[in-house]
């Protein structure tokens, strides 16, 4: 089974139009994404190849998330019984300087594409439910909800980028590193939202 097949784009229905909202992935009997990807009461669609699967807004767990700052718990799960995903949650959180892979969907000039890159967990103090990573290739809007993983084990979810960073006065290297960083919601905190 290809892991990439279990990482899919999510769309929001706006009137007659479906707009790309972010990325979601499958683990056990759940579809998982970042909470802010589904923060509008609407019908969402999971696209799997050419197939569209509607998702009812009131079935997301949890449905209300404080996502206005990085300490908000930015995760949502949708029950889909019977999934047979090769992905699983890691048993422990990442440590500084861990190398991980990111696989996400992004709307690029040539259209919607699945994008993969490598990342490094930054050697910084832990931020409660979050850690910061730096990616080799820049990932932007649409990557929210993507898994950060190694060998099929998911260590976190992409939640918030660093586009807002003031880079004035930084060296070119430091500026480049800051532009390619984002926050991930840690696996230990994802587990807190799984029904017992």
N, C-alpha and C. Protein backbone atom coordinates (compact mmCIF):
# COMPACT_ATOMS: atom_id res chain seq x y z
N UNK A 1 0.84 -1.19 0.00
CA UNK A 1 0.00 0.00 0.00
C UNK A 1 0.88 1.25 0.00
N UNK A 2 0.57 2.17 -0.87
CA UNK A 2 1.31 3.42 -0.92
C UNK A 2 0.77 4.39 0.12
N UNK A 3 1.66 4.89 0.97
CA UNK A 3 1.27 5.84 2.01
C UNK A 3 0.62 7.07 1.39
N UNK A 4 1.13 7.51 0.24
CA UNK A 4 0.61 8.72 -0.41
C UNK A 4 -0.88 8.62 -0.71
N UNK A 5 -1.40 7.41 -0.92
CA UNK A 5 -2.82 7.24 -1.22
C UNK A 5 -3.71 7.53 -0.01
N UNK A 6 -3.13 7.58 1.18
CA UNK A 6 -3.89 7.81 2.41
C UNK A 6 -3.74 9.23 2.92
N UNK A 7 -3.17 10.10 2.08
CA UNK A 7 -3.03 11.53 2.38
C UNK A 7 -3.74 12.25 1.25
N UNK A 8 -4.88 12.90 1.57
CA UNK A 8 -5.78 13.39 0.54
C UNK A 8 -6.17 14.85 0.75
N UNK A 9 -6.57 15.52 -0.33
CA UNK A 9 -7.03 16.91 -0.20
C UNK A 9 -8.46 16.99 0.31
N UNK A 10 -8.72 18.02 1.10
CA UNK A 10 -10.07 18.33 1.59
C UNK A 10 -10.57 19.59 0.90
N UNK A 11 -11.86 19.59 0.58
CA UNK A 11 -12.49 20.73 -0.07
C UNK A 11 -13.70 21.18 0.74
N UNK A 12 -13.97 22.48 0.69
CA UNK A 12 -15.14 23.08 1.35
C UNK A 12 -16.15 23.43 0.27
N UNK A 13 -17.42 23.08 0.50
CA UNK A 13 -18.48 23.43 -0.44
C UNK A 13 -18.96 24.83 -0.16
N UNK A 14 -18.82 25.74 -1.11
CA UNK A 14 -19.27 27.13 -0.98
C UNK A 14 -20.28 27.38 -2.10
N UNK A 15 -21.56 27.32 -1.79
CA UNK A 15 -22.58 27.42 -2.84
C UNK A 15 -22.43 26.25 -3.80
N UNK A 16 -22.24 26.56 -5.06
CA UNK A 16 -22.04 25.51 -6.07
C UNK A 16 -20.57 25.20 -6.28
N UNK A 17 -19.69 25.94 -5.62
CA UNK A 17 -18.25 25.77 -5.84
C UNK A 17 -17.61 25.00 -4.69
N UNK A 18 -16.65 24.15 -5.03
CA UNK A 18 -15.83 23.48 -4.02
C UNK A 18 -14.45 24.13 -4.04
N UNK A 19 -13.99 24.58 -2.89
CA UNK A 19 -12.67 25.22 -2.81
C UNK A 19 -11.74 24.37 -1.96
N UNK A 20 -10.49 24.30 -2.37
CA UNK A 20 -9.47 23.53 -1.66
C UNK A 20 -9.27 24.13 -0.28
N UNK A 21 -9.34 23.28 0.77
CA UNK A 21 -9.25 23.77 2.15
C UNK A 21 -7.96 23.34 2.84
N UNK A 22 -7.43 22.16 2.53
CA UNK A 22 -6.23 21.67 3.21
C UNK A 22 -6.03 20.19 2.97
N UNK A 23 -5.22 19.57 3.80
CA UNK A 23 -4.83 18.17 3.66
C UNK A 23 -5.36 17.37 4.83
N UNK A 24 -5.67 16.10 4.59
CA UNK A 24 -6.10 15.18 5.65
C UNK A 24 -5.45 13.82 5.40
N UNK A 25 -5.35 13.02 6.45
CA UNK A 25 -4.74 11.70 6.31
C UNK A 25 -5.51 10.69 7.16
N UNK A 26 -5.34 9.41 6.84
CA UNK A 26 -6.10 8.34 7.47
C UNK A 26 -5.24 7.56 8.46
N UNK A 27 -5.78 7.34 9.64
CA UNK A 27 -5.16 6.47 10.65
C UNK A 27 -6.27 5.72 11.36
N UNK A 28 -6.10 4.41 11.50
CA UNK A 28 -7.11 3.57 12.15
C UNK A 28 -8.47 3.86 11.51
N UNK A 29 -9.45 4.22 12.32
CA UNK A 29 -10.79 4.48 11.80
C UNK A 29 -11.09 5.97 11.71
N UNK A 30 -10.05 6.80 11.54
CA UNK A 30 -10.26 8.24 11.52
C UNK A 30 -9.53 8.92 10.37
N UNK A 31 -10.19 9.97 9.88
CA UNK A 31 -9.56 10.94 9.00
C UNK A 31 -9.11 12.06 9.93
N UNK A 32 -7.88 12.53 9.79
CA UNK A 32 -7.33 13.55 10.70
C UNK A 32 -6.85 14.74 9.88
N UNK A 33 -7.12 15.95 10.40
CA UNK A 33 -6.64 17.17 9.77
C UNK A 33 -6.42 18.22 10.85
N UNK A 34 -5.96 19.41 10.45
CA UNK A 34 -5.85 20.53 11.39
C UNK A 34 -7.25 21.11 11.61
N UNK A 35 -7.54 21.51 12.84
CA UNK A 35 -8.87 22.02 13.17
C UNK A 35 -9.27 23.23 12.34
N UNK A 36 -8.31 24.12 12.05
CA UNK A 36 -8.70 25.34 11.33
C UNK A 36 -9.06 25.06 9.87
N UNK A 37 -8.69 23.89 9.35
CA UNK A 37 -9.07 23.53 7.98
C UNK A 37 -10.58 23.39 7.86
N UNK A 38 -11.25 22.98 8.94
CA UNK A 38 -12.70 22.76 8.90
C UNK A 38 -13.42 23.71 9.86
N UNK A 39 -12.92 24.94 9.99
CA UNK A 39 -13.46 25.85 11.00
C UNK A 39 -14.73 26.58 10.57
N UNK A 40 -15.21 26.34 9.36
CA UNK A 40 -16.44 26.95 8.89
C UNK A 40 -17.52 25.88 8.81
N UNK A 41 -18.71 26.18 9.31
CA UNK A 41 -19.79 25.20 9.24
C UNK A 41 -20.21 25.06 7.78
N UNK A 42 -19.87 23.94 7.19
CA UNK A 42 -20.10 23.71 5.76
C UNK A 42 -20.01 22.21 5.51
N UNK A 43 -20.33 21.81 4.29
CA UNK A 43 -20.09 20.43 3.89
C UNK A 43 -18.67 20.36 3.34
N UNK A 44 -17.91 19.40 3.82
CA UNK A 44 -16.55 19.20 3.33
C UNK A 44 -16.51 17.92 2.51
N UNK A 45 -15.59 17.89 1.57
CA UNK A 45 -15.44 16.73 0.70
C UNK A 45 -14.00 16.25 0.73
N UNK A 46 -13.85 14.97 0.86
CA UNK A 46 -12.56 14.32 0.73
C UNK A 46 -12.45 13.85 -0.71
N UNK A 47 -11.34 14.19 -1.37
CA UNK A 47 -11.16 13.72 -2.74
C UNK A 47 -10.15 12.59 -2.75
N UNK A 48 -10.57 11.45 -3.25
CA UNK A 48 -9.71 10.28 -3.37
C UNK A 48 -9.67 9.91 -4.85
N UNK A 49 -8.58 10.30 -5.54
CA UNK A 49 -8.53 10.14 -6.99
C UNK A 49 -9.58 11.02 -7.63
N UNK A 50 -10.50 10.41 -8.37
CA UNK A 50 -11.59 11.16 -8.99
C UNK A 50 -12.88 11.08 -8.18
N UNK A 51 -12.85 10.38 -7.04
CA UNK A 51 -14.04 10.21 -6.21
C UNK A 51 -14.13 11.30 -5.15
N UNK A 52 -15.37 11.77 -4.92
CA UNK A 52 -15.64 12.79 -3.91
C UNK A 52 -16.49 12.16 -2.81
N UNK A 53 -16.07 12.34 -1.56
CA UNK A 53 -16.79 11.77 -0.42
C UNK A 53 -17.23 12.90 0.51
N UNK A 54 -18.56 13.13 0.65
CA UNK A 54 -19.03 14.21 1.53
C UNK A 54 -18.82 13.85 3.00
N UNK A 55 -18.48 14.87 3.80
CA UNK A 55 -18.25 14.70 5.23
C UNK A 55 -19.17 15.67 5.97
N UNK A 56 -19.96 15.17 6.90
CA UNK A 56 -20.90 16.02 7.63
C UNK A 56 -20.15 16.83 8.69
N UNK A 57 -20.43 18.11 8.74
CA UNK A 57 -19.70 19.00 9.65
C UNK A 57 -19.87 18.58 11.11
N UNK A 58 -21.07 18.12 11.49
CA UNK A 58 -21.32 17.82 12.91
C UNK A 58 -20.72 16.50 13.37
N UNK A 59 -20.03 15.78 12.49
CA UNK A 59 -19.37 14.53 12.91
C UNK A 59 -17.89 14.70 13.22
N UNK A 60 -17.35 15.90 12.97
CA UNK A 60 -15.93 16.13 13.30
C UNK A 60 -15.75 16.14 14.82
N UNK A 61 -14.64 15.60 15.30
CA UNK A 61 -14.30 15.56 16.73
C UNK A 61 -12.95 16.25 16.91
N UNK A 62 -12.78 17.23 17.78
CA UNK A 62 -13.85 18.03 18.38
C UNK A 62 -14.36 19.03 17.35
N UNK A 63 -15.51 19.60 17.55
CA UNK A 63 -16.08 20.50 16.56
C UNK A 63 -15.69 21.95 16.79
N UNK A 64 -15.34 22.30 18.02
CA UNK A 64 -14.98 23.69 18.32
C UNK A 64 -13.54 23.70 18.84
N UNK A 65 -12.72 24.53 18.21
CA UNK A 65 -11.30 24.55 18.58
C UNK A 65 -10.81 25.98 18.77
N UNK A 66 -10.06 26.25 19.83
CA UNK A 66 -9.47 27.59 19.98
C UNK A 66 -8.21 27.69 19.11
N UNK A 67 -8.36 28.10 17.87
CA UNK A 67 -7.22 28.07 16.94
C UNK A 67 -6.68 29.46 16.62
N UNK A 68 -7.00 30.45 17.48
CA UNK A 68 -6.56 31.80 17.18
C UNK A 68 -5.10 32.03 17.54
N UNK A 69 -4.49 31.15 18.32
CA UNK A 69 -3.07 31.27 18.58
C UNK A 69 -2.45 29.88 18.59
N UNK A 70 -1.12 29.81 18.65
CA UNK A 70 -0.46 28.52 18.50
C UNK A 70 -0.68 27.58 19.68
N UNK A 71 -1.24 28.07 20.78
CA UNK A 71 -1.54 27.18 21.90
C UNK A 71 -2.95 26.56 21.78
N UNK A 72 -3.72 27.04 20.80
CA UNK A 72 -5.02 26.41 20.56
C UNK A 72 -4.80 25.01 20.02
N UNK A 73 -5.66 24.07 20.39
CA UNK A 73 -5.45 22.69 19.98
C UNK A 73 -6.04 22.48 18.60
N UNK A 74 -5.18 22.58 17.62
CA UNK A 74 -5.57 22.66 16.21
C UNK A 74 -5.59 21.27 15.57
N UNK A 75 -6.61 20.48 15.91
CA UNK A 75 -6.73 19.14 15.35
C UNK A 75 -8.21 18.78 15.28
N UNK A 76 -8.58 18.00 14.26
CA UNK A 76 -9.95 17.51 14.14
C UNK A 76 -9.91 16.11 13.54
N UNK A 77 -10.82 15.25 14.02
CA UNK A 77 -10.90 13.86 13.55
C UNK A 77 -12.30 13.58 13.04
N UNK A 78 -12.37 12.73 12.02
CA UNK A 78 -13.66 12.36 11.45
C UNK A 78 -13.72 10.84 11.40
N UNK A 79 -14.74 10.23 12.04
CA UNK A 79 -14.80 8.77 12.07
C UNK A 79 -15.17 8.17 10.71
N UNK A 80 -14.36 7.25 10.24
CA UNK A 80 -14.64 6.48 9.02
C UNK A 80 -14.31 5.03 9.33
N UNK A 81 -15.27 4.27 9.84
CA UNK A 81 -15.01 2.88 10.24
C UNK A 81 -14.51 2.03 9.07
N UNK A 82 -13.59 1.14 9.38
CA UNK A 82 -13.12 0.18 8.39
C UNK A 82 -11.94 0.61 7.56
N UNK A 83 -11.32 1.74 7.88
CA UNK A 83 -10.13 2.15 7.13
C UNK A 83 -9.00 1.16 7.37
N UNK A 84 -8.21 0.93 6.36
CA UNK A 84 -7.05 0.03 6.48
C UNK A 84 -5.82 0.81 6.04
N UNK A 85 -5.45 1.81 6.81
CA UNK A 85 -4.34 2.68 6.45
C UNK A 85 -3.01 2.11 6.92
N UNK A 86 -1.95 2.27 6.11
CA UNK A 86 -0.62 1.86 6.56
C UNK A 86 0.00 2.85 7.55
N UNK A 87 -0.63 4.02 7.73
CA UNK A 87 -0.13 5.01 8.67
C UNK A 87 -0.60 4.69 10.08
N UNK A 88 0.21 5.04 11.07
CA UNK A 88 -0.18 4.89 12.47
C UNK A 88 0.45 6.03 13.27
N UNK A 89 -0.11 6.28 14.46
CA UNK A 89 0.46 7.32 15.32
C UNK A 89 1.71 6.78 15.99
N UNK A 90 2.74 7.60 16.06
CA UNK A 90 3.98 7.23 16.74
C UNK A 90 3.71 7.08 18.23
N UNK A 91 4.54 6.29 18.91
CA UNK A 91 4.38 6.06 20.34
C UNK A 91 4.90 7.21 21.19
N UNK A 92 5.78 8.04 20.62
CA UNK A 92 6.39 9.13 21.38
C UNK A 92 6.49 10.37 20.51
N UNK A 93 6.64 11.52 21.16
CA UNK A 93 6.80 12.78 20.43
C UNK A 93 8.19 12.88 19.82
N UNK A 94 8.32 13.82 18.90
CA UNK A 94 9.62 14.09 18.28
C UNK A 94 10.56 14.71 19.31
N UNK A 95 11.82 14.62 19.01
CA UNK A 95 12.87 15.28 19.79
C UNK A 95 13.58 16.29 18.89
N UNK A 96 14.19 17.31 19.47
CA UNK A 96 14.96 18.25 18.66
C UNK A 96 15.98 17.52 17.79
N UNK A 97 16.10 17.99 16.55
CA UNK A 97 17.02 17.49 15.54
C UNK A 97 16.58 16.18 14.89
N UNK A 98 15.36 15.71 15.19
CA UNK A 98 14.81 14.57 14.46
C UNK A 98 14.56 14.96 13.01
N UNK A 99 14.80 14.02 12.11
CA UNK A 99 14.51 14.20 10.68
C UNK A 99 13.19 13.51 10.38
N UNK A 100 12.26 14.24 9.74
CA UNK A 100 10.93 13.72 9.43
C UNK A 100 10.55 14.10 8.00
N UNK A 101 9.56 13.39 7.46
CA UNK A 101 9.05 13.68 6.13
C UNK A 101 7.69 14.36 6.24
N UNK A 102 7.41 15.24 5.27
CA UNK A 102 6.11 15.90 5.17
C UNK A 102 5.55 15.58 3.79
N UNK A 103 4.30 15.17 3.74
CA UNK A 103 3.62 14.94 2.47
C UNK A 103 2.29 15.68 2.54
N UNK A 104 2.09 16.63 1.63
CA UNK A 104 0.91 17.49 1.69
C UNK A 104 0.37 17.76 0.29
N UNK A 105 -0.82 18.35 0.26
CA UNK A 105 -1.41 18.83 -0.99
C UNK A 105 -1.30 20.34 -1.01
N UNK A 106 -1.00 20.88 -2.20
CA UNK A 106 -0.90 22.32 -2.36
C UNK A 106 -1.48 22.74 -3.70
N UNK A 107 -2.07 23.94 -3.72
CA UNK A 107 -2.56 24.50 -4.96
C UNK A 107 -1.42 25.31 -5.58
N UNK A 108 -0.81 24.75 -6.61
CA UNK A 108 0.32 25.37 -7.29
C UNK A 108 -0.16 25.99 -8.60
N UNK A 109 0.68 26.82 -9.27
CA UNK A 109 0.25 27.42 -10.54
C UNK A 109 -0.22 26.38 -11.57
N UNK A 110 0.37 25.18 -11.54
CA UNK A 110 -0.02 24.14 -12.48
C UNK A 110 -1.21 23.31 -11.99
N UNK A 111 -1.78 23.68 -10.84
CA UNK A 111 -2.95 22.98 -10.31
C UNK A 111 -2.65 22.30 -8.99
N UNK A 112 -3.62 21.54 -8.50
CA UNK A 112 -3.48 20.86 -7.22
C UNK A 112 -2.49 19.70 -7.35
N UNK A 113 -1.48 19.67 -6.46
CA UNK A 113 -0.44 18.65 -6.54
C UNK A 113 -0.08 18.16 -5.14
N UNK A 114 0.31 16.90 -5.05
CA UNK A 114 0.85 16.36 -3.81
C UNK A 114 2.35 16.67 -3.79
N UNK A 115 2.80 17.23 -2.67
CA UNK A 115 4.18 17.70 -2.54
C UNK A 115 4.82 17.03 -1.33
N UNK A 116 6.04 16.55 -1.49
CA UNK A 116 6.78 15.95 -0.39
C UNK A 116 8.07 16.71 -0.12
N UNK A 117 8.44 16.80 1.14
CA UNK A 117 9.71 17.42 1.50
C UNK A 117 10.21 16.82 2.81
N UNK A 118 11.46 17.08 3.12
CA UNK A 118 12.04 16.62 4.37
C UNK A 118 12.04 17.77 5.37
N UNK A 119 12.07 17.42 6.65
CA UNK A 119 12.06 18.46 7.68
C UNK A 119 12.98 18.09 8.83
N UNK A 120 13.29 19.09 9.63
CA UNK A 120 14.13 18.93 10.81
C UNK A 120 13.41 19.58 11.98
N UNK A 121 13.28 18.86 13.09
CA UNK A 121 12.70 19.44 14.31
C UNK A 121 13.73 20.40 14.89
N UNK A 122 13.33 21.64 15.11
CA UNK A 122 14.28 22.65 15.57
C UNK A 122 14.64 22.43 17.04
N UNK A 123 15.85 22.79 17.37
CA UNK A 123 16.38 22.61 18.72
C UNK A 123 15.93 23.78 19.59
N UNK A 124 14.63 23.77 19.91
CA UNK A 124 14.02 24.85 20.69
C UNK A 124 13.23 24.25 21.84
N UNK A 125 12.87 25.11 22.77
CA UNK A 125 12.05 24.66 23.89
C UNK A 125 10.69 24.19 23.37
N UNK A 126 10.18 23.12 23.96
CA UNK A 126 8.86 22.58 23.63
C UNK A 126 7.80 23.64 23.93
N UNK A 127 6.82 23.78 23.05
CA UNK A 127 5.73 24.76 23.23
C UNK A 127 4.42 24.04 23.53
N UNK A 128 4.32 23.43 24.70
CA UNK A 128 3.11 22.72 25.11
C UNK A 128 2.77 21.66 24.06
N UNK A 129 1.69 21.83 23.30
CA UNK A 129 1.29 20.81 22.33
C UNK A 129 2.00 20.89 21.00
N UNK A 130 2.94 21.83 20.85
CA UNK A 130 3.52 22.12 19.55
C UNK A 130 5.05 22.07 19.55
N UNK A 131 5.59 21.77 18.38
CA UNK A 131 7.03 21.91 18.11
C UNK A 131 7.16 22.63 16.77
N UNK A 132 8.32 23.25 16.57
CA UNK A 132 8.57 23.94 15.31
C UNK A 132 9.54 23.13 14.48
N UNK A 133 9.26 23.05 13.17
CA UNK A 133 10.14 22.34 12.24
C UNK A 133 10.58 23.29 11.14
N UNK A 134 11.68 22.93 10.51
CA UNK A 134 12.15 23.63 9.32
C UNK A 134 12.11 22.64 8.16
N UNK A 135 11.56 23.04 7.03
CA UNK A 135 11.46 22.15 5.88
C UNK A 135 12.47 22.52 4.80
N UNK A 136 12.91 21.52 4.04
CA UNK A 136 13.86 21.76 2.95
C UNK A 136 13.19 22.61 1.88
N UNK A 137 12.00 22.18 1.44
CA UNK A 137 11.24 22.94 0.45
C UNK A 137 10.13 23.70 1.16
N UNK A 138 9.85 24.89 0.70
CA UNK A 138 8.83 25.70 1.34
C UNK A 138 7.45 25.11 1.09
N UNK A 139 6.68 24.98 2.14
CA UNK A 139 5.29 24.55 2.01
C UNK A 139 4.40 25.69 2.46
N UNK A 140 3.30 25.89 1.73
CA UNK A 140 2.45 27.04 2.01
C UNK A 140 1.01 26.58 2.19
N UNK A 141 0.07 27.47 1.92
CA UNK A 141 -1.35 27.23 2.15
C UNK A 141 -1.78 25.91 1.50
N UNK A 142 -2.54 25.13 2.25
CA UNK A 142 -2.97 23.82 1.79
C UNK A 142 -2.25 22.70 2.50
N UNK A 143 -1.09 23.04 3.08
CA UNK A 143 -0.34 22.01 3.79
C UNK A 143 -0.89 21.79 5.20
N UNK A 144 -1.73 22.70 5.68
CA UNK A 144 -2.34 22.50 7.00
C UNK A 144 -3.09 21.18 7.03
N UNK A 145 -2.85 20.41 8.09
CA UNK A 145 -3.48 19.10 8.22
C UNK A 145 -2.62 17.95 7.75
N UNK A 146 -1.45 18.27 7.18
CA UNK A 146 -0.56 17.23 6.65
C UNK A 146 0.16 16.49 7.76
N UNK A 147 0.42 15.20 7.55
CA UNK A 147 1.18 14.45 8.55
C UNK A 147 2.67 14.73 8.45
N UNK A 148 3.33 14.77 9.60
CA UNK A 148 4.79 14.83 9.69
C UNK A 148 5.18 13.45 10.20
N UNK A 149 5.99 12.70 9.42
CA UNK A 149 6.13 11.27 9.71
C UNK A 149 7.52 10.74 9.41
N UNK A 150 7.72 9.50 9.85
CA UNK A 150 8.93 8.74 9.53
C UNK A 150 8.55 7.26 9.54
N UNK A 151 8.87 6.56 8.46
CA UNK A 151 8.60 5.12 8.35
C UNK A 151 7.14 4.77 8.64
N UNK A 152 6.21 5.60 8.14
CA UNK A 152 4.79 5.31 8.31
C UNK A 152 4.21 5.68 9.66
N UNK A 153 5.05 6.22 10.57
CA UNK A 153 4.59 6.66 11.89
C UNK A 153 4.42 8.19 11.88
N UNK A 154 3.24 8.65 12.29
CA UNK A 154 2.94 10.07 12.29
C UNK A 154 3.32 10.68 13.63
N UNK A 155 4.15 11.74 13.58
CA UNK A 155 4.63 12.42 14.79
C UNK A 155 3.95 13.76 15.03
N UNK A 156 3.13 14.19 14.09
CA UNK A 156 2.45 15.47 14.27
C UNK A 156 1.71 15.88 13.01
N UNK A 157 1.01 17.02 13.13
CA UNK A 157 0.21 17.59 12.05
C UNK A 157 0.70 19.02 11.79
N UNK A 158 0.89 19.38 10.53
CA UNK A 158 1.21 20.76 10.19
C UNK A 158 0.02 21.64 10.56
N UNK A 159 0.29 22.71 11.33
CA UNK A 159 -0.81 23.59 11.74
C UNK A 159 -0.63 25.04 11.30
N UNK A 160 0.53 25.63 11.52
CA UNK A 160 0.67 27.05 11.24
C UNK A 160 2.05 27.35 10.69
N UNK A 161 2.10 28.13 9.61
CA UNK A 161 3.38 28.50 9.01
C UNK A 161 3.98 29.72 9.66
N UNK A 162 5.07 30.17 9.10
CA UNK A 162 5.77 31.34 9.63
C UNK A 162 5.79 32.49 8.64
N UNK A 163 4.77 32.60 7.78
CA UNK A 163 4.73 33.68 6.80
C UNK A 163 4.71 35.05 7.46
N UNK A 164 4.28 35.11 8.73
CA UNK A 164 4.15 36.40 9.42
C UNK A 164 5.46 36.89 10.03
N UNK A 165 6.53 36.09 9.93
CA UNK A 165 7.80 36.46 10.59
C UNK A 165 8.39 37.72 9.96
N UNK A 166 8.83 38.64 10.80
CA UNK A 166 9.51 39.84 10.33
C UNK A 166 10.96 39.47 10.05
N UNK A 167 11.35 39.46 8.78
CA UNK A 167 12.70 39.01 8.42
C UNK A 167 13.66 40.17 8.19
N UNK A 168 13.24 41.39 8.44
CA UNK A 168 14.12 42.55 8.24
C UNK A 168 15.34 42.44 9.14
N UNK A 169 16.51 42.67 8.59
CA UNK A 169 17.75 42.66 9.36
C UNK A 169 18.36 41.28 9.57
N UNK A 170 17.69 40.22 9.12
CA UNK A 170 18.26 38.87 9.26
C UNK A 170 19.28 38.61 8.16
N UNK A 171 20.23 37.75 8.47
CA UNK A 171 21.16 37.30 7.42
C UNK A 171 20.36 36.49 6.40
N UNK A 172 20.83 36.38 5.13
CA UNK A 172 20.10 35.59 4.13
C UNK A 172 19.83 34.16 4.58
N UNK A 173 20.81 33.52 5.26
CA UNK A 173 20.62 32.14 5.71
C UNK A 173 19.53 32.08 6.77
N UNK A 174 19.60 32.95 7.76
CA UNK A 174 18.60 32.97 8.84
C UNK A 174 17.22 33.26 8.27
N UNK A 175 17.14 34.21 7.32
CA UNK A 175 15.86 34.55 6.70
C UNK A 175 15.28 33.34 5.99
N UNK A 176 16.10 32.60 5.26
CA UNK A 176 15.65 31.41 4.54
C UNK A 176 15.13 30.36 5.51
N UNK A 177 15.84 30.14 6.62
CA UNK A 177 15.41 29.15 7.60
C UNK A 177 14.07 29.55 8.22
N UNK A 178 13.90 30.84 8.55
CA UNK A 178 12.66 31.29 9.16
C UNK A 178 11.49 31.15 8.19
N UNK A 179 11.71 31.44 6.91
CA UNK A 179 10.63 31.37 5.94
C UNK A 179 10.16 29.93 5.73
N UNK A 180 11.00 28.95 6.00
CA UNK A 180 10.65 27.55 5.78
C UNK A 180 10.31 26.83 7.08
N UNK A 181 9.85 27.55 8.08
CA UNK A 181 9.49 26.89 9.34
C UNK A 181 7.98 26.91 9.54
N UNK A 182 7.52 25.95 10.32
CA UNK A 182 6.10 25.90 10.67
C UNK A 182 5.94 25.14 11.97
N UNK A 183 4.74 25.23 12.54
CA UNK A 183 4.43 24.54 13.78
C UNK A 183 3.74 23.23 13.48
N UNK A 184 4.07 22.19 14.26
CA UNK A 184 3.34 20.93 14.18
C UNK A 184 2.69 20.65 15.53
N UNK A 185 1.49 20.10 15.48
CA UNK A 185 0.78 19.67 16.68
C UNK A 185 1.23 18.26 17.00
N UNK A 186 1.74 18.05 18.22
CA UNK A 186 2.44 16.81 18.57
C UNK A 186 1.51 15.60 18.71
N UNK A 187 2.08 14.44 18.46
CA UNK A 187 1.31 13.19 18.48
C UNK A 187 0.71 12.90 19.86
N UNK A 188 1.43 13.24 20.92
CA UNK A 188 0.88 12.96 22.26
C UNK A 188 -0.41 13.74 22.50
N UNK A 189 -0.52 14.92 21.90
CA UNK A 189 -1.72 15.73 22.06
C UNK A 189 -2.82 15.28 21.10
N UNK A 190 -2.45 14.77 19.93
CA UNK A 190 -3.46 14.19 19.03
C UNK A 190 -4.19 13.07 19.76
N UNK A 191 -3.41 12.24 20.47
CA UNK A 191 -4.00 11.10 21.19
C UNK A 191 -5.04 11.53 22.22
N UNK A 192 -4.87 12.72 22.79
CA UNK A 192 -5.82 13.21 23.79
C UNK A 192 -7.21 13.40 23.23
N UNK A 193 -7.32 13.59 21.92
CA UNK A 193 -8.62 13.85 21.29
C UNK A 193 -9.27 12.58 20.76
N UNK A 194 -8.53 11.48 20.71
CA UNK A 194 -9.12 10.22 20.25
C UNK A 194 -10.09 9.70 21.30
N UNK A 195 -11.29 9.29 20.90
CA UNK A 195 -12.23 8.72 21.87
C UNK A 195 -11.61 7.51 22.55
N UNK A 196 -11.84 7.34 23.82
CA UNK A 196 -11.27 6.22 24.58
C UNK A 196 -11.96 4.92 24.19
